[in-house]
Amino acid sequence: MGHGHGHSHRAGGEGDFEVDRTPRLVLLTALALVAVVTLAGLVLLWPDSDAADELQGSVGFAAEGVTFPEAVVREVEPACAPDADADPAAQACGRIRAIVDEGASEGTQVLVNVPPQISDSGLDPGDRIELVRQPQDGEGQFGYFGTERSGPLWILSILFVVVVLGIARLRGLMALLGLAFAGVVVLGFAVPALLTGEPGIPVALVAATAIMFVVLYTTHGFSIRTSTALAGTLAGLAITAVVGWWAVHSTHLSGIADEGGGFLTTFASEINFQGLLTAAVIIAGLGVLNDVTITQSSAVWELRAASPSMSRTEIFTSGMRIGRDHIASTIYTIVFAYAGTALTLLLVLQLYDRPMTDLIGTEEIAEEIVRSLTSSIGLVLAVPITTFIAALTVPRARRP
């Protein structure tokens, strides 16, 4: 096998290493074919714009004439005692006094009832809330709709960007740009395509593959090391898709586990909810899968830089020792992430007078189990695949 001299890759910051022509050519050719298939998938699965426009915004959020003005809080009464017969007006509890700050009723003082959790959420005079105004007898009847949180959310977002740019600098900037691109793909392609009834698994695979191509290369640069991580990521996505499809169908999950699913069945009946569930599993595992594969690829190249005379078999073995440690910690990340999102549900299940083992088969719990285990299987298998590809593409061992 000849040595190619047209490309060099700096590993570990010490010396340039020539990559064998054949494994490099095979890897890049395979990725090029995947890129072509992905572009073809984007064209074939691109949602019908007329159908998407017809669905988007087709459901009225409120009755005609109902508005949602903001108001400034003047006083927050304490939550009412847990007494079903209690009168909030008599007890002076469970209400918020506010002044409408916009719209036709600007300057109007209102007194609205709120749930106990809103009274106890820490609202203070000067905070802003969103009201719902229903026209009645030429005036309007006000109710509490929500708390205005855009200010703190903007501060948190800006802080996130500042921290990322301050610590990661150029890499952080490229990561933010990649994140923005991922949002465009998901919201501009995947969501409309799923909404108009395109098959969930192909849509998710095409979207995830397009995201990974851009995110990995923009963040980590064009190199054989990044290409290796990309190949391992794509293999992990394929495994996740196959296992997810089997798990969803073998467990007979409907994909409708909450009010949102029931709402979609009414207004977007073209959606295949089992495919939608599998698509959610694929997209949800992108971040962790990307983290594991780029780490494994980098670890193998660092091993080659540190030990130029180490054989590829030895590099693979050493890389897998690193990968096993990474697998253990990342599985915790996946499982605890899903457990955190389902924490409220777990608390509710503790209130029932049935053993937890009897409730595992419920739609809500089974969905979380399938998500966690499917993502973990794809993740675990991506580690040896990435390590193997990296071990093949690193430079040959040098004689001592």
Protein backbone atom coordinates (compact mmCIF):
# COMPACT_ATOMS: atom_id res chain seq x y z
CA MET A 1 0.00 0.00 0.00
CA GLY A 2 1.59 3.24 -1.12
CA HIS A 3 1.95 6.38 0.92
CA GLY A 4 0.12 9.51 -0.17
CA HIS A 5 2.04 12.77 0.20
CA GLY A 6 -0.73 15.17 -0.70
CA HIS A 7 -2.13 15.50 2.79
CA SER A 8 -0.61 15.83 6.22
CA HIS A 9 -2.33 15.96 9.58
CA ARG A 10 -0.83 17.49 12.67
CA ALA A 11 -1.51 15.27 15.63
CA GLY A 12 -0.87 16.35 19.15
CA GLY A 13 0.90 19.43 17.93
CA GLU A 14 4.13 17.54 17.32
CA GLY A 15 5.23 16.77 13.78
CA ASP A 16 3.38 16.14 10.57
CA PHE A 17 2.16 12.65 9.86
CA GLU A 18 1.49 11.40 6.37
CA VAL A 19 -1.77 9.50 6.01
CA ASP A 20 -1.88 6.40 3.82
CA ARG A 21 -3.58 7.11 0.53
CA THR A 22 -5.90 4.06 0.41
CA PRO A 23 -7.73 4.37 3.77
CA ARG A 24 -7.97 8.12 3.27
CA LEU A 25 -9.46 7.65 -0.18
CA VAL A 26 -11.97 5.03 1.03
CA LEU A 27 -13.06 7.20 3.95
CA LEU A 28 -13.49 10.39 1.95
CA THR A 29 -15.23 8.57 -0.91
CA ALA A 30 -17.72 7.00 1.51
CA LEU A 31 -18.42 10.38 3.12
CA ALA A 32 -18.83 11.99 -0.31
CA LEU A 33 -21.41 9.35 -1.26
CA VAL A 34 -23.26 9.96 2.01
CA ALA A 35 -23.23 13.70 1.29
CA VAL A 36 -24.73 13.10 -2.16
CA VAL A 37 -27.43 10.84 -0.71
CA THR A 38 -28.16 13.46 1.96
CA LEU A 39 -28.58 16.20 -0.63
CA ALA A 40 -30.86 13.90 -2.65
CA GLY A 41 -32.84 13.19 0.52
CA LEU A 42 -33.26 16.90 1.19
CA VAL A 43 -34.66 17.35 -2.31
CA LEU A 44 -36.96 14.31 -2.20
CA LEU A 45 -38.22 14.89 1.34
CA TRP A 46 -38.46 18.67 1.18
CA PRO A 47 -41.96 19.52 2.44
CA ASP A 48 -44.65 20.80 0.12
CA SER A 49 -44.61 24.54 0.82
CA ASP A 50 -48.34 24.92 0.14
CA ALA A 51 -49.25 22.10 2.52
CA ALA A 52 -46.83 23.40 5.17
CA ASP A 53 -48.19 26.95 4.89
CA GLU A 54 -51.73 25.64 5.14
CA LEU A 55 -50.96 23.79 8.36
CA GLN A 56 -48.75 26.40 9.99
CA GLY A 57 -50.92 28.89 11.80
CA SER A 58 -54.11 27.04 10.83
CA VAL A 59 -55.31 26.55 14.42
CA GLY A 60 -56.65 29.59 16.19
CA PHE A 61 -54.93 30.17 19.52
CA ALA A 62 -57.86 32.11 20.97
CA ALA A 63 -61.35 33.29 20.05
CA GLU A 64 -61.79 36.30 17.83
CA GLY A 65 -61.29 39.56 19.69
CA VAL A 66 -59.25 38.04 22.51
CA THR A 67 -55.97 39.87 23.14
CA PHE A 68 -52.97 39.28 25.39
CA PRO A 69 -51.79 42.61 26.82
CA GLU A 70 -48.89 42.88 29.25
CA ALA A 71 -49.30 44.40 32.69
CA VAL A 72 -47.03 45.60 35.50
CA VAL A 73 -47.48 43.87 38.85
CA ARG A 74 -48.40 46.17 41.75
CA GLU A 75 -49.20 43.65 44.48
CA VAL A 76 -49.05 39.87 44.88
CA GLU A 77 -51.36 38.36 47.47
CA PRO A 78 -50.26 35.15 49.23
CA ALA A 79 -51.62 31.84 48.01
CA CYS A 80 -54.99 30.85 49.46
CA ALA A 81 -55.23 28.15 52.08
CA PRO A 82 -56.01 24.70 50.65
CA ASP A 83 -59.75 25.03 51.22
CA ALA A 84 -62.04 24.31 48.29
CA ASP A 85 -64.79 26.56 49.72
CA ALA A 86 -62.51 29.52 50.39
CA ASP A 87 -63.42 32.84 48.76
CA PRO A 88 -60.27 34.60 47.48
CA ALA A 89 -61.98 37.99 47.75
CA ALA A 90 -62.89 37.42 51.39
CA GLN A 91 -59.46 36.08 52.32
CA ALA A 92 -57.50 38.61 50.20
CA CYS A 93 -55.41 35.82 48.77
CA GLY A 94 -54.52 34.15 45.47
CA ARG A 95 -54.73 37.32 43.40
CA ILE A 96 -52.43 39.76 41.61
CA ARG A 97 -53.08 43.48 41.27
CA ALA A 98 -51.59 44.95 38.13
CA ILE A 99 -51.82 47.85 35.70
CA VAL A 100 -52.30 47.10 32.01
CA ASP A 101 -49.30 48.48 30.14
CA GLU A 102 -50.35 48.25 26.49
CA GLY A 103 -53.30 48.00 24.12
CA ALA A 104 -56.71 49.62 24.25
CA SER A 105 -56.96 49.11 28.02
CA GLU A 106 -53.60 50.70 28.85
CA GLY A 107 -53.61 52.19 32.34
CA THR A 108 -56.47 49.99 33.57
CA GLN A 109 -56.03 48.55 37.06
CA VAL A 110 -56.94 44.85 37.21
CA LEU A 111 -57.23 42.20 39.89
CA VAL A 112 -56.83 38.65 38.58
CA ASN A 113 -56.95 35.26 40.28
CA VAL A 114 -53.85 33.08 39.88
CA PRO A 115 -53.00 29.47 40.83
CA PRO A 116 -51.13 28.93 44.12
CA GLN A 117 -47.88 28.08 42.33
CA ILE A 118 -47.92 31.50 40.64
CA SER A 119 -48.44 33.27 43.96
CA ASP A 120 -45.47 31.37 45.39
CA SER A 121 -43.20 31.80 42.32
CA GLY A 122 -41.52 34.95 43.65
CA LEU A 123 -43.32 37.64 41.63
CA ASP A 124 -42.67 41.12 43.04
CA PRO A 125 -44.08 44.59 42.33
CA GLY A 126 -42.58 45.83 39.08
CA ASP A 127 -42.48 42.41 37.41
CA ARG A 128 -44.47 41.94 34.24
CA ILE A 129 -47.21 39.43 33.52
CA GLU A 130 -49.26 38.62 30.44
CA LEU A 131 -53.03 38.85 30.69
CA VAL A 132 -55.81 37.47 28.52
CA ARG A 133 -58.48 40.03 27.72
CA GLN A 134 -61.87 38.77 26.59
CA PRO A 135 -64.20 41.42 25.13
CA GLN A 136 -67.41 41.69 27.11
CA ASP A 137 -70.12 44.39 27.02
CA GLY A 138 -67.88 46.86 25.24
CA GLU A 139 -65.15 46.64 27.87
CA GLY A 140 -63.09 43.61 28.74
CA GLN A 141 -62.68 40.84 31.27
CA PHE A 142 -59.11 40.08 32.30
CA GLY A 143 -57.46 36.86 33.44
CA TYR A 144 -53.93 35.67 34.10
CA PHE A 145 -52.20 34.07 31.10
CA GLY A 146 -48.52 33.86 31.94
CA THR A 147 -45.44 35.52 33.38
CA GLU A 148 -43.24 37.66 31.14
CA ARG A 149 -39.80 36.03 31.19
CA SER A 150 -38.13 37.37 28.05
CA GLY A 151 -35.75 39.65 29.98
CA PRO A 152 -34.08 36.95 32.12
CA LEU A 153 -34.05 34.56 29.16
CA TRP A 154 -32.22 37.11 27.01
CA ILE A 155 -29.72 37.74 29.81
CA LEU A 156 -29.13 33.99 30.17
CA SER A 157 -28.67 33.61 26.40
CA ILE A 158 -26.20 36.49 26.21
CA LEU A 159 -24.30 35.10 29.20
CA PHE A 160 -24.10 31.72 27.46
CA VAL A 161 -22.68 33.29 24.29
CA VAL A 162 -20.18 35.40 26.25
CA VAL A 163 -18.95 32.40 28.26
CA VAL A 164 -18.61 30.22 25.15
CA LEU A 165 -16.74 32.90 23.19
CA GLY A 166 -14.60 33.91 26.15
CA ILE A 167 -13.43 30.38 26.90
CA ALA A 168 -13.53 28.59 23.53
CA ARG A 169 -12.89 31.68 21.34
CA LEU A 170 -12.84 30.76 17.65
CA ARG A 171 -13.93 27.18 18.31
CA GLY A 172 -16.79 28.53 20.41
CA LEU A 173 -17.83 30.90 17.63
CA MET A 174 -17.84 28.07 15.11
CA ALA A 175 -19.84 25.92 17.54
CA LEU A 176 -22.45 28.68 17.89
CA LEU A 177 -22.67 29.01 14.11
CA GLY A 178 -23.08 25.25 13.83
CA LEU A 179 -25.82 25.38 16.46
CA ALA A 180 -27.59 28.09 14.47
CA PHE A 181 -27.34 25.96 11.32
CA ALA A 182 -28.81 23.00 13.22
CA GLY A 183 -31.74 25.16 14.26
CA VAL A 184 -32.33 26.19 10.66
CA VAL A 185 -32.33 22.57 9.49
CA VAL A 186 -34.65 21.37 12.24
CA LEU A 187 -37.12 24.26 12.01
CA GLY A 188 -36.84 24.87 8.28
CA PHE A 189 -36.78 21.28 7.04
CA ALA A 190 -37.44 18.57 9.63
CA VAL A 191 -40.42 20.11 11.45
CA PRO A 192 -42.38 21.12 8.28
CA ALA A 193 -41.57 17.77 6.66
CA LEU A 194 -42.81 15.81 9.66
CA LEU A 195 -45.86 18.05 9.95
CA THR A 196 -46.86 17.36 6.35
CA GLY A 197 -46.60 13.58 6.74
CA GLU A 198 -43.13 12.77 5.40
CA PRO A 199 -41.69 9.54 6.90
CA GLY A 200 -40.09 10.26 10.25
CA ILE A 201 -36.96 8.11 10.12
CA PRO A 202 -35.70 9.27 6.68
CA VAL A 203 -36.41 12.89 7.59
CA ALA A 204 -34.52 12.58 10.88
CA LEU A 205 -31.56 10.79 9.26
CA VAL A 206 -31.27 13.34 6.46
CA ALA A 207 -31.56 16.27 8.86
CA ALA A 208 -29.12 14.75 11.37
CA THR A 209 -26.58 13.89 8.66
CA ALA A 210 -26.72 17.39 7.17
CA ILE A 211 -26.26 18.90 10.62
CA MET A 212 -23.30 16.67 11.44
CA PHE A 213 -21.50 17.42 8.18
CA VAL A 214 -21.67 21.16 8.80
CA VAL A 215 -21.23 21.15 12.59
CA LEU A 216 -18.22 18.85 12.71
CA TYR A 217 -16.29 20.44 9.87
CA THR A 218 -17.01 24.04 10.90
CA THR A 219 -16.16 23.40 14.55
CA HIS A 220 -13.19 21.04 14.22
CA GLY A 221 -11.87 21.87 10.75
CA PHE A 222 -11.42 19.82 7.58
CA SER A 223 -9.11 16.91 8.41
CA ILE A 224 -8.94 13.14 8.40
CA ARG A 225 -9.42 13.24 12.16
CA THR A 226 -12.74 15.09 11.79
CA SER A 227 -13.77 12.87 8.89
CA THR A 228 -13.18 9.83 11.07
CA ALA A 229 -15.40 11.28 13.79
CA LEU A 230 -18.05 12.07 11.18
CA ALA A 231 -17.99 8.50 9.86
CA GLY A 232 -18.37 7.12 13.38
CA THR A 233 -21.22 9.54 14.08
CA LEU A 234 -23.07 8.52 10.93
CA ALA A 235 -22.63 4.84 11.83
CA GLY A 236 -24.03 5.55 15.29
CA LEU A 237 -27.02 7.38 13.77
CA ALA A 238 -27.75 4.43 11.48
CA ILE A 239 -27.60 2.00 14.40
CA THR A 240 -29.83 4.26 16.52
CA ALA A 241 -32.37 4.45 13.68
CA VAL A 242 -32.50 0.66 13.20
CA VAL A 243 -32.68 -0.14 16.91
CA GLY A 244 -35.18 2.67 17.49
CA TRP A 245 -37.47 1.46 14.72
CA TRP A 246 -37.39 -2.08 16.10
CA ALA A 247 -37.91 -0.95 19.71
CA VAL A 248 -40.86 1.33 18.92
CA HIS A 249 -42.65 -1.28 16.83
CA SER A 250 -41.88 -4.27 19.05
CA THR A 251 -43.14 -2.44 22.14
CA HIS A 252 -46.19 -1.20 20.18
CA LEU A 253 -45.66 2.38 21.28
CA SER A 254 -48.16 4.73 19.67
CA GLY A 255 -46.00 7.84 19.96
CA ILE A 256 -48.89 9.70 21.59
CA ALA A 257 -48.13 10.06 25.28
CA ASP A 258 -49.30 13.57 26.14
CA GLU A 259 -51.76 16.30 25.24
CA GLY A 260 -49.50 17.53 22.45
CA GLY A 261 -49.75 14.19 20.65
CA GLY A 262 -53.52 14.15 21.00
CA PHE A 263 -53.68 17.70 19.65
CA LEU A 264 -51.62 16.73 16.60
CA THR A 265 -53.88 13.76 15.85
CA THR A 266 -56.76 16.22 15.46
CA PHE A 267 -55.13 18.90 13.35
CA ALA A 268 -52.24 17.07 11.62
CA SER A 269 -53.57 13.60 10.97
CA GLU A 270 -50.96 12.87 8.27
CA ILE A 271 -48.23 12.41 10.88
CA ASN A 272 -46.96 8.89 11.53
CA PHE A 273 -46.48 9.08 15.30
CA GLN A 274 -44.35 5.95 15.60
CA GLY A 275 -42.00 7.40 13.00
CA LEU A 276 -42.11 10.72 14.83
CA LEU A 277 -41.04 9.02 18.07
CA THR A 278 -38.13 7.30 16.34
CA ALA A 279 -37.14 10.59 14.69
CA ALA A 280 -37.11 12.25 18.11
CA VAL A 281 -34.77 9.54 19.43
CA ILE A 282 -32.39 10.05 16.48
CA ILE A 283 -32.23 13.84 16.80
CA ALA A 284 -32.01 13.75 20.61
CA GLY A 285 -28.87 11.60 20.49
CA LEU A 286 -26.94 13.88 18.12
CA GLY A 287 -25.10 15.94 20.71
CA VAL A 288 -23.82 13.11 22.88
CA LEU A 289 -22.92 10.96 19.87
CA ASN A 290 -20.93 13.80 18.33
CA ASP A 291 -19.08 14.34 21.62
CA VAL A 292 -18.07 10.68 21.91
CA THR A 293 -16.90 10.22 18.32
CA ILE A 294 -14.80 13.39 18.11
CA THR A 295 -13.19 12.47 21.44
CA GLN A 296 -12.37 8.96 20.25
CA SER A 297 -10.94 10.17 16.96
CA SER A 298 -8.80 12.77 18.70
CA ALA A 299 -7.63 10.22 21.27
CA VAL A 300 -6.40 7.86 18.55
CA TRP A 301 -4.50 10.63 16.78
CA GLU A 302 -2.96 11.75 20.05
CA LEU A 303 -1.88 8.18 20.73
CA ARG A 304 -0.18 8.07 17.34
CA ALA A 305 1.56 11.38 18.04
CA ALA A 306 2.76 10.14 21.42
CA SER A 307 3.83 6.71 20.15
CA PRO A 308 4.89 6.78 16.49
CA SER A 309 6.09 3.17 16.67
CA MET A 310 2.88 1.74 18.14
CA SER A 311 1.07 -0.68 15.82
CA ARG A 312 -2.48 0.00 14.71
CA THR A 313 -3.73 -2.95 16.76
CA GLU A 314 -2.11 -1.47 19.85
CA ILE A 315 -3.57 1.94 19.05
CA PHE A 316 -7.05 0.44 18.72
CA THR A 317 -6.64 -1.38 22.03
CA SER A 318 -5.45 1.75 23.82
CA GLY A 319 -8.16 3.85 22.20
CA MET A 320 -10.82 1.44 23.39
CA ARG A 321 -9.55 1.73 26.96
CA ILE A 322 -10.20 5.47 26.70
CA GLY A 323 -13.53 4.80 24.99
CA ARG A 324 -14.76 2.50 27.75
CA ASP A 325 -14.26 5.20 30.33
CA HIS A 326 -16.05 7.67 28.10
CA ILE A 327 -18.91 5.24 27.49
CA ALA A 328 -19.51 4.79 31.21
CA SER A 329 -19.73 8.52 31.90
CA THR A 330 -21.77 9.33 28.79
CA ILE A 331 -24.38 6.67 29.49
CA TYR A 332 -24.97 8.36 32.82
CA THR A 333 -25.42 11.62 30.93
CA ILE A 334 -28.08 10.15 28.64
CA VAL A 335 -30.05 8.31 31.32
CA PHE A 336 -29.98 11.16 33.81
CA ALA A 337 -30.98 13.65 31.12
CA TYR A 338 -34.08 11.64 30.32
CA ALA A 339 -34.74 11.00 34.02
CA GLY A 340 -34.60 14.72 34.64
CA THR A 341 -37.18 15.48 31.98
CA ALA A 342 -39.45 12.77 33.40
CA LEU A 343 -38.92 13.67 37.06
CA THR A 344 -42.43 15.06 37.53
CA LEU A 345 -43.90 11.89 36.03
CA LEU A 346 -41.78 9.75 38.37
CA LEU A 347 -43.12 11.68 41.35
CA VAL A 348 -46.69 11.17 40.17
CA LEU A 349 -46.14 7.44 39.80
CA GLN A 350 -44.98 7.27 43.42
CA LEU A 351 -48.46 8.37 44.47
CA TYR A 352 -50.20 5.42 42.85
CA ASP A 353 -50.92 2.30 44.87
CA ARG A 354 -49.28 0.01 42.31
CA PRO A 355 -45.67 -1.17 42.16
CA MET A 356 -43.41 0.77 39.82
CA THR A 357 -42.64 -2.44 37.91
CA ASP A 358 -46.32 -2.70 36.97
CA LEU A 359 -46.27 0.80 35.51
CA ILE A 360 -43.16 0.41 33.34
CA GLY A 361 -45.32 -0.66 30.40
CA THR A 362 -47.33 2.57 30.37
CA GLU A 363 -46.86 4.73 27.28
CA GLU A 364 -45.12 7.55 29.14
CA ILE A 365 -42.57 5.38 30.99
CA ALA A 366 -41.95 2.99 28.09
CA GLU A 367 -41.19 5.92 25.77
CA GLU A 368 -38.50 7.23 28.11
CA ILE A 369 -36.99 3.76 28.48
CA VAL A 370 -36.89 3.26 24.71
CA ARG A 371 -35.31 6.70 24.22
CA SER A 372 -32.61 6.06 26.81
CA LEU A 373 -31.70 2.53 25.81
CA THR A 374 -31.82 3.15 22.05
CA SER A 375 -29.57 6.21 22.29
CA SER A 376 -27.20 4.33 24.59
CA ILE A 377 -26.90 1.37 22.20
CA GLY A 378 -26.08 3.66 19.28
CA LEU A 379 -23.59 5.52 21.43
CA VAL A 380 -21.80 2.42 22.74
CA LEU A 381 -21.44 0.84 19.30
CA ALA A 382 -20.21 4.11 17.78
CA VAL A 383 -17.14 4.00 20.05
CA PRO A 384 -15.47 0.85 18.63
CA ILE A 385 -16.54 1.80 15.10
CA THR A 386 -14.95 5.24 15.38
CA THR A 387 -11.86 3.85 17.07
CA PHE A 388 -11.46 1.21 14.36
CA ILE A 389 -11.80 3.74 11.53
CA ALA A 390 -9.37 6.09 13.24
CA ALA A 391 -6.85 3.30 13.79
CA LEU A 392 -6.98 2.48 10.07
CA THR A 393 -6.56 6.09 8.94
CA VAL A 394 -3.75 7.19 11.25
CA PRO A 395 -0.23 7.01 9.77
CA ARG A 396 1.61 3.71 9.78
CA ALA A 397 3.88 2.91 12.65
CA ARG A 398 7.42 4.23 12.30
CA ARG A 399 10.32 1.92 13.01
CA PRO A 400 12.17 2.88 16.17
